[in-house]
Structure formats: C-alpha cells, structure tokens
PDB file of N, CA and C in Angstrom:
ATOM      1  N   MET A   1     -10.513  19.289  -5.475  1.00  0.00           N
ATOM      2  CA  MET A   1      -9.180  20.064  -5.480  1.00  0.00           C
ATOM      3  C   MET A   1      -8.168  19.743  -4.005  1.00  0.00           C
ATOM      4  N   ILE A   2      -8.709  21.361  -3.453  1.00  0.00           N
ATOM      5  CA  ILE A   2      -8.672  21.596  -1.927  1.00  0.00           C
ATOM      6  C   ILE A   2      -8.880  20.011  -1.355  1.00  0.00           C
ATOM      7  N   PHE A   3      -9.852  19.450  -0.794  1.00  0.00           N
ATOM      8  CA  PHE A   3     -10.265  18.636  -0.367  1.00  0.00           C
ATOM      9  C   PHE A   3      -8.787  16.673  -0.844  1.00  0.00           C
ATOM     10  N   TYR A   4      -8.317  17.024  -1.534  1.00  0.00           N
ATOM     11  CA  TYR A   4      -7.646  15.687  -1.869  1.00  0.00           C
ATOM     12  C   TYR A   4      -6.387  16.290  -1.686  1.00  0.00           C
ATOM     13  N   ARG A   5      -5.856  17.902  -1.825  1.00  0.00           N
ATOM     14  CA  ARG A   5      -4.685  18.042  -1.015  1.00  0.00           C
ATOM     15  C   ARG A   5      -5.156  17.865   0.247  1.00  0.00           C
ATOM     16  N   LYS A   6      -5.803  18.165   0.727  1.00  0.00           N
ATOM     17  CA  LYS A   6      -5.888  18.025   2.658  1.00  0.00           C
ATOM     18  C   LYS A   6      -5.726  16.265   3.115  1.00  0.00           C
ATOM     19  N   LEU A   7      -6.480  15.695   2.066  1.00  0.00           N
ATOM     20  CA  LEU A   7      -6.257  14.686   2.638  1.00  0.00           C
ATOM     21  C   LEU A   7      -4.607  13.434   2.078  1.00  0.00           C
ATOM     22  N   LEU A   8      -3.694  14.135   1.407  1.00  0.00           N
ATOM     23  CA  LEU A   8      -2.387  14.084   0.932  1.00  0.00           C
ATOM     24  C   LEU A   8      -1.948  14.543   1.937  1.00  0.00           C
ATOM     25  N   SER A   9      -2.127  15.741   2.939  1.00  0.00           N
ATOM     26  CA  SER A   9      -1.399  16.580   3.339  1.00  0.00           C
ATOM     27  C   SER A   9      -1.252  15.420   5.236  1.00  0.00           C
ATOM     28  N   GLN A  10      -2.595  15.011   5.312  1.00  0.00           N
ATOM     29  CA  GLN A  10      -3.039  13.822   6.279  1.00  0.00           C
ATOM     30  C   GLN A  10      -1.987  12.941   5.727  1.00  0.00           C
ATOM     31  N   LEU A  11      -2.090  12.545   5.082  1.00  0.00           N
ATOM     32  CA  LEU A  11      -1.484  11.148   4.450  1.00  0.00           C
ATOM     33  C   LEU A  11       0.116  11.305   4.926  1.00  0.00           C
ATOM     34  N   LEU A  12       0.779  12.841   4.536  1.00  0.00           N
ATOM     35  CA  LEU A  12       1.622  12.884   4.859  1.00  0.00           C
ATOM     36  C   LEU A  12       2.216  13.218   6.522  1.00  0.00           C
ATOM     37  N   GLU A  13       1.375  13.548   7.240  1.00  0.00           N
ATOM     38  CA  GLU A  13       1.383  13.604   8.443  1.00  0.00           C
ATOM     39  C   GLU A  13       1.732  12.367   9.114  1.00  0.00           C
ATOM     40  N   TRP A  14       1.223  11.251   8.895  1.00  0.00           N
ATOM     41  CA  TRP A  14       0.867   9.923   9.448  1.00  0.00           C
ATOM     42  C   TRP A  14       2.398   9.574   8.703  1.00  0.00           C
ATOM     43  N   LYS A  15       2.282  10.042   7.603  1.00  0.00           N
ATOM     44  CA  LYS A  15       3.927   9.007   7.166  1.00  0.00           C
ATOM     45  C   LYS A  15       5.362   9.938   7.947  1.00  0.00           C
ATOM     46  N   ASN A  16       4.860  10.966   8.863  1.00  0.00           N
ATOM     47  CA  ASN A  16       6.019  11.767   8.859  1.00  0.00           C
ATOM     48  C   ASN A  16       6.338  11.770  10.381  1.00  0.00           C
ATOM     49  N   SER A  17       5.184  10.896  11.075  1.00  0.00           N
ATOM     50  CA  SER A  17       4.907  10.470  13.036  1.00  0.00           C
ATOM     51  C   SER A  17       6.164   9.127  13.359  1.00  0.00           C
ATOM     52  N   SER A  18       6.261   9.230  14.268  1.00  0.00           N
ATOM     53  CA  SER A  18       7.012   8.648  14.887  1.00  0.00           C
ATOM     54  C   SER A  18       6.374   7.247  15.029  1.00  0.00           C
ATOM     55  N   ILE A  19       4.811   6.966  14.745  1.00  0.00           N
ATOM     56  CA  ILE A  19       4.771   6.115  15.484  1.00  0.00           C
ATOM     57  C   ILE A  19       3.784   5.848  14.115  1.00  0.00           C
ATOM     58  N   HIS A  20       3.661   4.981  13.884  1.00  0.00           N
ATOM     59  CA  HIS A  20       3.181   4.592  12.442  1.00  0.00           C
ATOM     60  C   HIS A  20       2.877   2.674  12.457  1.00  0.00           C
ATOM     61  N   LYS A  21       1.097   3.220  12.480  1.00  0.00           N
ATOM     62  CA  LYS A  21      -0.227   2.007  12.599  1.00  0.00           C
ATOM     63  C   LYS A  21      -0.463   2.245  11.884  1.00  0.00           C
ATOM     64  N   PRO A  22      -1.357   0.591  11.097  1.00  0.00           N
ATOM     65  CA  PRO A  22      -1.557   0.459  10.229  1.00  0.00           C
ATOM     66  C   PRO A  22      -2.508   1.691   9.500  1.00  0.00           C
ATOM     67  N   LEU A  23      -2.784   1.781   8.127  1.00  0.00           N
ATOM     68  CA  LEU A  23      -3.477   3.055   7.151  1.00  0.00           C
ATOM     69  C   LEU A  23      -4.735   2.372   7.153  1.00  0.00           C
ATOM     70  N   ILE A  24      -6.003   2.749   7.550  1.00  0.00           N
ATOM     71  CA  ILE A  24      -6.608   1.820   6.276  1.00  0.00           C
ATOM     72  C   ILE A  24      -7.951   2.873   5.641  1.00  0.00           C
ATOM     73  N   ILE A  25      -7.880   2.905   4.534  1.00  0.00           N
ATOM     74  CA  ILE A  25      -8.815   4.312   4.102  1.00  0.00           C
ATOM     75  C   ILE A  25      -9.723   3.651   3.386  1.00  0.00           C
ATOM     76  N   ARG A  26     -10.984   4.243   4.004  1.00  0.00           N
ATOM     77  CA  ARG A  26     -12.408   3.655   3.765  1.00  0.00           C
ATOM     78  C   ARG A  26     -13.291   4.854   3.201  1.00  0.00           C
ATOM     79  N   GLY A  27     -14.277   4.156   2.011  1.00  0.00           N
ATOM     80  CA  GLY A  27     -15.098   5.432   1.926  1.00  0.00           C
ATOM     81  C   GLY A  27     -15.920   4.479   0.731  1.00  0.00           C
ATOM     82  N   ALA A  28     -17.006   5.566  -0.101  1.00  0.00           N
ATOM     83  CA  ALA A  28     -18.194   4.980  -0.865  1.00  0.00           C
ATOM     84  C   ALA A  28     -16.641   4.566  -1.679  1.00  0.00           C
ATOM     85  N   ARG A  29     -17.347   3.556  -3.146  1.00  0.00           N
ATOM     86  CA  ARG A  29     -16.633   3.326  -4.794  1.00  0.00           C
ATOM     87  C   ARG A  29     -16.785   4.187  -5.796  1.00  0.00           C
ATOM     88  N   GLN A  30     -15.493   4.411  -6.370  1.00  0.00           N
ATOM     89  CA  GLN A  30     -14.932   5.135  -7.226  1.00  0.00           C
ATOM     90  C   GLN A  30     -15.135   6.632  -6.776  1.00  0.00           C
ATOM     91  N   VAL A  31     -14.801   6.771  -5.725  1.00  0.00           N
ATOM     92  CA  VAL A  31     -14.467   7.865  -4.965  1.00  0.00           C
ATOM     93  C   VAL A  31     -13.040   8.981  -5.292  1.00  0.00           C
ATOM     94  N   GLY A  32     -11.806   7.916  -5.534  1.00  0.00           N
ATOM     95  CA  GLY A  32     -10.179   8.098  -5.807  1.00  0.00           C
ATOM     96  C   GLY A  32      -9.693   7.498  -4.407  1.00  0.00           C
ATOM     97  N   LYS A  33      -9.475   7.102  -3.286  1.00  0.00           N
ATOM     98  CA  LYS A  33      -9.050   6.300  -2.836  1.00  0.00           C
ATOM     99  C   LYS A  33      -7.604   5.868  -3.582  1.00  0.00           C
ATOM    100  N   SER A  34      -7.935   4.753  -4.548  1.00  0.00           N
ATOM    101  CA  SER A  34      -6.874   4.526  -4.483  1.00  0.00           C
ATOM    102  C   SER A  34      -5.998   5.194  -5.277  1.00  0.00           C
ATOM    103  N   THR A  35      -6.261   6.717  -6.132  1.00  0.00           N
ATOM    104  CA  THR A  35      -5.893   7.258  -6.797  1.00  0.00           C
ATOM    105  C   THR A  35      -4.874   7.833  -5.446  1.00  0.00           C
ATOM    106  N   LEU A  36      -5.559   8.448  -4.702  1.00  0.00           N
ATOM    107  CA  LEU A  36      -4.977   9.723  -4.278  1.00  0.00           C
ATOM    108  C   LEU A  36      -3.648   8.667  -3.116  1.00  0.00           C
ATOM    109  N   ILE A  37      -3.765   6.836  -2.875  1.00  0.00           N
ATOM    110  CA  ILE A  37      -2.644   6.590  -2.113  1.00  0.00           C
ATOM    111  C   ILE A  37      -1.582   5.934  -3.271  1.00  0.00           C
ATOM    112  N   LYS A  38      -1.776   5.482  -4.722  1.00  0.00           N
ATOM    113  CA  LYS A  38      -0.905   5.946  -5.579  1.00  0.00           C
ATOM    114  C   LYS A  38      -0.220   7.023  -5.635  1.00  0.00           C
ATOM    115  N   GLU A  39      -0.083   8.887  -5.758  1.00  0.00           N
ATOM    116  CA  GLU A  39      -0.001   9.979  -5.290  1.00  0.00           C
ATOM    117  C   GLU A  39       0.648   9.875  -4.466  1.00  0.00           C
ATOM    118  N   PHE A  40       0.234   9.322  -3.287  1.00  0.00           N
ATOM    119  CA  PHE A  40       0.987   9.179  -2.149  1.00  0.00           C
ATOM    120  C   PHE A  40       2.300   7.920  -2.117  1.00  0.00           C
ATOM    121  N   GLY A  41       2.008   7.270  -2.776  1.00  0.00           N
ATOM    122  CA  GLY A  41       3.326   5.515  -2.673  1.00  0.00           C
ATOM    123  C   GLY A  41       4.379   6.859  -3.292  1.00  0.00           C
ATOM    124  N   LYS A  42       4.313   7.964  -3.820  1.00  0.00           N
ATOM    125  CA  LYS A  42       5.431   9.041  -4.314  1.00  0.00           C
ATOM    126  C   LYS A  42       6.213   9.241  -3.509  1.00  0.00           C
ATOM    127  N   GLU A  43       5.774   9.701  -2.443  1.00  0.00           N
ATOM    128  CA  GLU A  43       6.571   9.657  -0.967  1.00  0.00           C
ATOM    129  C   GLU A  43       7.425   9.193  -0.392  1.00  0.00           C
ATOM    130  N   PHE A  44       7.884   7.947  -0.964  1.00  0.00           N
ATOM    131  CA  PHE A  44       8.149   6.568  -0.669  1.00  0.00           C
ATOM    132  C   PHE A  44       8.813   5.975  -1.602  1.00  0.00           C
ATOM    133  N   LYS A  45      10.466   5.624  -0.970  1.00  0.00           N
ATOM    134  CA  LYS A  45      11.621   4.875  -2.015  1.00  0.00           C
ATOM    135  C   LYS A  45      10.725   4.241  -3.268  1.00  0.00           C
ATOM    136  N   TYR A  46       9.441   2.984  -2.174  1.00  0.00           N
ATOM    137  CA  TYR A  46       9.067   2.124  -3.344  1.00  0.00           C
ATOM    138  C   TYR A  46       8.104   1.902  -2.733  1.00  0.00           C
ATOM    139  N   PHE A  47       7.128   1.744  -3.588  1.00  0.00           N
ATOM    140  CA  PHE A  47       5.857   1.610  -3.217  1.00  0.00           C
ATOM    141  C   PHE A  47       5.346   0.414  -4.101  1.00  0.00           C
ATOM    142  N   ILE A  48       4.524  -0.553  -3.361  1.00  0.00           N
ATOM    143  CA  ILE A  48       4.075  -1.751  -3.629  1.00  0.00           C
ATOM    144  C   ILE A  48       2.612  -1.814  -3.590  1.00  0.00           C
ATOM    145  N   ASN A  49       2.298  -2.156  -4.799  1.00  0.00           N
ATOM    146  CA  ASN A  49       0.570  -1.984  -4.958  1.00  0.00           C
ATOM    147  C   ASN A  49       0.077  -3.245  -5.098  1.00  0.00           C
ATOM    148  N   LEU A  50      -0.864  -3.869  -4.150  1.00  0.00           N
ATOM    149  CA  LEU A  50      -1.216  -5.061  -4.378  1.00  0.00           C
ATOM    150  C   LEU A  50      -2.636  -4.637  -5.177  1.00  0.00           C
ATOM    151  N   ASN A  51      -3.789  -5.401  -5.980  1.00  0.00           N
ATOM    152  CA  ASN A  51      -4.686  -5.341  -5.648  1.00  0.00           C
ATOM    153  C   ASN A  51      -5.526  -7.151  -5.846  1.00  0.00           C
ATOM    154  N   LEU A  52      -5.746  -7.114  -4.954  1.00  0.00           N
ATOM    155  CA  LEU A  52      -6.777  -8.016  -4.347  1.00  0.00           C
ATOM    156  C   LEU A  52      -7.482  -8.828  -5.399  1.00  0.00           C
ATOM    157  N   GLU A  53      -7.946  -8.274  -6.380  1.00  0.00           N
ATOM    158  CA  GLU A  53      -8.697  -8.917  -7.583  1.00  0.00           C
ATOM    159  C   GLU A  53      -8.263  -9.430  -7.941  1.00  0.00           C
ATOM    160  N   LYS A  54      -6.980  -9.146  -8.384  1.00  0.00           N
ATOM    161  CA  LYS A  54      -5.684  -9.382  -9.127  1.00  0.00           C
ATOM    162  C   LYS A  54      -4.837 -11.131  -9.027  1.00  0.00           C
ATOM    163  N   THR A  55      -5.105 -12.762  -9.493  1.00  0.00           N
ATOM    164  CA  THR A  55      -5.048 -13.082  -8.828  1.00  0.00           C
ATOM    165  C   THR A  55      -3.648 -13.613  -9.053  1.00  0.00           C
ATOM    166  N   GLN A  56      -2.791 -12.941  -9.556  1.00  0.00           N
ATOM    167  CA  GLN A  56      -1.400 -12.502  -9.003  1.00  0.00           C
ATOM    168  C   GLN A  56      -1.544 -12.525  -7.691  1.00  0.00           C
ATOM    169  N   ASP A  57      -1.277 -11.357  -7.266  1.00  0.00           N
ATOM    170  CA  ASP A  57      -1.322 -10.623  -5.767  1.00  0.00           C
ATOM    171  C   ASP A  57      -2.093 -11.788  -5.415  1.00  0.00           C
ATOM    172  N   LYS A  58      -3.256 -12.453  -5.424  1.00  0.00           N
ATOM    173  CA  LYS A  58      -4.186 -13.191  -4.740  1.00  0.00           C
ATOM    174  C   LYS A  58      -3.494 -14.156  -4.183  1.00  0.00           C
ATOM    175  N   ASN A  59      -2.557 -14.672  -5.059  1.00  0.00           N
ATOM    176  CA  ASN A  59      -2.682 -16.253  -4.901  1.00  0.00           C
ATOM    177  C   ASN A  59      -0.698 -16.058  -4.054  1.00  0.00           C
ATOM    178  N   ILE A  60      -0.778 -14.839  -3.874  1.00  0.00           N
ATOM    179  CA  ILE A  60       0.891 -14.871  -2.282  1.00  0.00           C
ATOM    180  C   ILE A  60       0.322 -15.627  -1.319  1.00  0.00           C
ATOM    181  N   PHE A  61      -1.094 -14.929  -0.946  1.00  0.00           N
ATOM    182  CA  PHE A  61      -1.404 -15.019   0.197  1.00  0.00           C
ATOM    183  C   PHE A  61      -2.692 -16.099   0.051  1.00  0.00           C
ATOM    184  N   GLU A  62      -2.793 -16.706  -0.702  1.00  0.00           N
ATOM    185  CA  GLU A  62      -3.167 -18.274  -0.457  1.00  0.00           C
ATOM    186  C   GLU A  62      -2.158 -19.195  -0.429  1.00  0.00           C
ATOM    187  N   LYS A  63      -0.985 -19.272  -1.048  1.00  0.00           N
ATOM    188  CA  LYS A  63       0.218 -20.183  -1.468  1.00  0.00           C
ATOM    189  C   LYS A  63       0.942 -20.361  -0.622  1.00  0.00           C
ATOM    190  N   LEU A  64       1.377 -19.335   0.494  1.00  0.00           N
ATOM    191  CA  LEU A  64       2.618 -19.050   1.599  1.00  0.00           C
ATOM    192  C   LEU A  64       2.254 -19.056   2.994  1.00  0.00           C
ATOM    193  N   ASP A  65       2.669 -19.377   3.640  1.00  0.00           N
ATOM    194  CA  ASP A  65       2.221 -19.426   4.829  1.00  0.00           C
ATOM    195  C   ASP A  65       2.949 -18.674   6.169  1.00  0.00           C
ATOM    196  N   THR A  66       4.024 -18.500   5.921  1.00  0.00           N
ATOM    197  CA  THR A  66       4.615 -17.557   6.874  1.00  0.00           C
ATOM    198  C   THR A  66       5.111 -16.060   6.439  1.00  0.00           C
ATOM    199  N   ALA A  67       5.020 -15.048   7.557  1.00  0.00           N
ATOM    200  CA  ALA A  67       4.496 -13.515   6.803  1.00  0.00           C
ATOM    201  C   ALA A  67       5.855 -13.223   6.610  1.00  0.00           C
ATOM    202  N   SER A  68       7.024 -14.225   6.690  1.00  0.00           N
ATOM    203  CA  SER A  68       8.426 -13.561   6.699  1.00  0.00           C
ATOM    204  C   SER A  68       8.244 -14.355   4.988  1.00  0.00           C
ATOM    205  N   ASP A  69       7.945 -15.552   4.425  1.00  0.00           N
ATOM    206  CA  ASP A  69       7.726 -15.497   3.203  1.00  0.00           C
ATOM    207  C   ASP A  69       6.730 -14.903   2.477  1.00  0.00           C
ATOM    208  N   ILE A  70       4.946 -14.171   2.339  1.00  0.00           N
ATOM    209  CA  ILE A  70       4.691 -13.112   2.196  1.00  0.00           C
ATOM    210  C   ILE A  70       5.428 -12.031   1.574  1.00  0.00           C
ATOM    211  N   ILE A  71       6.435 -11.786   2.854  1.00  0.00           N
ATOM    212  CA  ILE A  71       6.899 -10.143   2.750  1.00  0.00           C
ATOM    213  C   ILE A  71       7.870 -10.899   1.387  1.00  0.00           C
ATOM    214  N   ASN A  72       9.009 -12.007   1.619  1.00  0.00           N
ATOM    215  CA  ASN A  72       9.661 -11.797   0.064  1.00  0.00           C
ATOM    216  C   ASN A  72       8.789 -12.012  -0.772  1.00  0.00           C
ATOM    217  N   ALA A  73       8.048 -12.751  -0.735  1.00  0.00           N
ATOM    218  CA  ALA A  73       6.946 -12.857  -2.374  1.00  0.00           C
ATOM    219  C   ALA A  73       6.857 -12.063  -2.932  1.00  0.00           C
ATOM    220  N   LEU A  74       6.750 -10.696  -1.746  1.00  0.00           N
ATOM    221  CA  LEU A  74       5.871 -10.127  -3.012  1.00  0.00           C
ATOM    222  C   LEU A  74       7.164  -8.427  -3.052  1.00  0.00           C
ATOM    223  N   PHE A  75       7.758  -8.409  -2.126  1.00  0.00           N
ATOM    224  CA  PHE A  75       9.515  -7.631  -3.033  1.00  0.00           C
ATOM    225  C   PHE A  75       9.783  -8.599  -4.327  1.00  0.00           C
ATOM    226  N   LEU A  76      10.098  -9.659  -3.671  1.00  0.00           N
ATOM    227  CA  LEU A  76      10.841 -10.511  -4.853  1.00  0.00           C
ATOM    228  C   LEU A  76       9.971  -9.894  -6.029  1.00  0.00           C
ATOM    229  N   GLY A  77       8.713 -10.903  -6.387  1.00  0.00           N
ATOM    230  CA  GLY A  77       7.112 -10.005  -6.904  1.00  0.00           C
ATOM    231  C   GLY A  77       7.207  -8.846  -7.595  1.00  0.00           C
ATOM    232  N   LYS A  78       7.550  -8.337  -6.714  1.00  0.00           N
ATOM    233  CA  LYS A  78       7.504  -6.966  -7.749  1.00  0.00           C
ATOM    234  C   LYS A  78       9.010  -6.316  -7.605  1.00  0.00           C
ATOM    235  N   GLY A  79       9.269  -6.743  -7.770  1.00  0.00           N
ATOM    236  CA  GLY A  79      11.155  -6.585  -8.264  1.00  0.00           C
ATOM    237  C   GLY A  79      11.631  -5.143  -7.797  1.00  0.00           C
ATOM    238  N   ILE A  80      11.585  -5.795  -6.654  1.00  0.00           N
ATOM    239  CA  ILE A  80      11.983  -3.821  -5.019  1.00  0.00           C
ATOM    240  C   ILE A  80      13.038  -4.914  -4.421  1.00  0.00           C
ATOM    241  N   PRO A  81      14.281  -4.227  -4.323  1.00  0.00           N
ATOM    242  CA  PRO A  81      14.551  -5.121  -3.238  1.00  0.00           C
ATOM    243  C   PRO A  81      14.495  -4.568  -1.975  1.00  0.00           C
ATOM    244  N   TYR A  82      14.296  -5.668  -1.159  1.00  0.00           N
ATOM    245  CA  TYR A  82      14.497  -5.681   0.584  1.00  0.00           C
ATOM    246  C   TYR A  82      15.194  -5.363   1.218  1.00  0.00           C
ATOM    247  N   SER A  83      15.011  -3.364   1.307  1.00  0.00           N
ATOM    248  CA  SER A  83      15.779  -3.134   2.378  1.00  0.00           C
ATOM    249  C   SER A  83      15.188  -1.934   3.786  1.00  0.00           C
ATOM    250  N   ASP A  84      15.970  -1.622   3.941  1.00  0.00           N
ATOM    251  CA  ASP A  84      14.606  -0.866   5.515  1.00  0.00           C
ATOM    252  C   ASP A  84      15.165   0.765   4.565  1.00  0.00           C
ATOM    253  N   ALA A  85      14.931   1.084   3.491  1.00  0.00           N
ATOM    254  CA  ALA A  85      14.780   1.851   2.742  1.00  0.00           C
ATOM    255  C   ALA A  85      12.744   2.251   2.163  1.00  0.00           C
ATOM    256  N   PRO A  86      12.377   3.377   2.608  1.00  0.00           N
ATOM    257  CA  PRO A  86      10.736   3.594   3.130  1.00  0.00           C
ATOM    258  C   PRO A  86      10.501   2.389   1.790  1.00  0.00           C
ATOM    259  N   THR A  87       9.522   2.602   2.229  1.00  0.00           N
ATOM    260  CA  THR A  87       8.423   1.375   1.113  1.00  0.00           C
ATOM    261  C   THR A  87       6.999   1.517   1.680  1.00  0.00           C
ATOM    262  N   LEU A  88       5.771   1.559   1.167  1.00  0.00           N
ATOM    263  CA  LEU A  88       4.640   1.403   1.098  1.00  0.00           C
ATOM    264  C   LEU A  88       3.517   0.522   0.548  1.00  0.00           C
ATOM    265  N   ILE A  89       3.122  -0.453   1.677  1.00  0.00           N
ATOM    266  CA  ILE A  89       2.605  -1.341   0.523  1.00  0.00           C
ATOM    267  C   ILE A  89       1.077  -1.311   0.959  1.00  0.00           C
ATOM    268  N   PHE A  90       0.564  -1.213   0.194  1.00  0.00           N
ATOM    269  CA  PHE A  90      -1.096  -0.305  -0.158  1.00  0.00           C
ATOM    270  C   PHE A  90      -2.061  -2.179  -0.951  1.00  0.00           C
ATOM    271  N   PHE A  91      -2.844  -2.623  -0.113  1.00  0.00           N
ATOM    272  CA  PHE A  91      -3.326  -3.416  -0.097  1.00  0.00           C
ATOM    273  C   PHE A  91      -4.988  -2.827  -1.411  1.00  0.00           C
ATOM    274  N   ASP A  92      -5.387  -3.040  -2.402  1.00  0.00           N
ATOM    275  CA  ASP A  92      -6.780  -2.230  -2.984  1.00  0.00           C
ATOM    276  C   ASP A  92      -7.129  -3.873  -2.973  1.00  0.00           C
ATOM    277  N   GLU A  93      -8.143  -3.437  -2.579  1.00  0.00           N
ATOM    278  CA  GLU A  93      -9.910  -4.594  -2.930  1.00  0.00           C
ATOM    279  C   GLU A  93      -9.994  -5.433  -2.406  1.00  0.00           C
ATOM    280  N   ILE A  94      -9.085  -5.138  -0.647  1.00  0.00           N
ATOM    281  CA  ILE A  94      -8.592  -6.228   0.383  1.00  0.00           C
ATOM    282  C   ILE A  94      -9.913  -7.289   0.576  1.00  0.00           C
ATOM    283  N   GLN A  95     -11.068  -6.102  -0.021  1.00  0.00           N
ATOM    284  CA  GLN A  95     -12.432  -7.389   0.985  1.00  0.00           C
ATOM    285  C   GLN A  95     -12.191  -8.578   0.340  1.00  0.00           C
ATOM    286  N   GLU A  96     -11.580  -8.636  -1.094  1.00  0.00           N
ATOM    287  CA  GLU A  96     -11.101  -9.721  -1.862  1.00  0.00           C
ATOM    288  C   GLU A  96     -10.906 -10.910  -1.313  1.00  0.00           C
TER     289      GLU A  96
END
C-alpha cells in the first residue's frame, strides 16, 4: 500500500506541474496500472476511460480522421461536456 500511495503522489505532482506532457504508465500485466489510473482519475472533474480492446472505443479512432472529430466523439460518447474543466483521458490497452 505504501508503494501505491507513492505512485499516486507522483501522479499528483505531474497533475500539479505547470507543464503537462503525455504520461505513459508501463509495467507488467496485472500489477494494478489501470486501477492506479482510475483512482488518479478521481482528482479530475472529468475522467474518460478508453479501453482499446473494446470495439466501441477502438472504432472512434478507426472511423474518424481529424483530432477535432476524435476529441468531440470522445466527449460526446462518454456523455461529458466539452469544456475547459480538468479532464483526464486514459487510453488502456493502447497496444491494440
């Protein structure tokens, strides 16, 4: 549990940083990466969780061409208003 809290505190440091670069969480299968990010998602007003093993989530990227269309589809598909509110978008199983 101490290790988990340390990882969560590092994610909070990233969130509170003035410079945000994409964040990649890597590690062995079944060690809690997705669970950690879902917990971290509670720190944001909105959390979009995409699992690219799911056809519905994968189709967004296969059927749309522009970044603008993809972002609009992500928010609309998850029922989240598109705004300036802090939003975390999590791509799970991205190797798919």
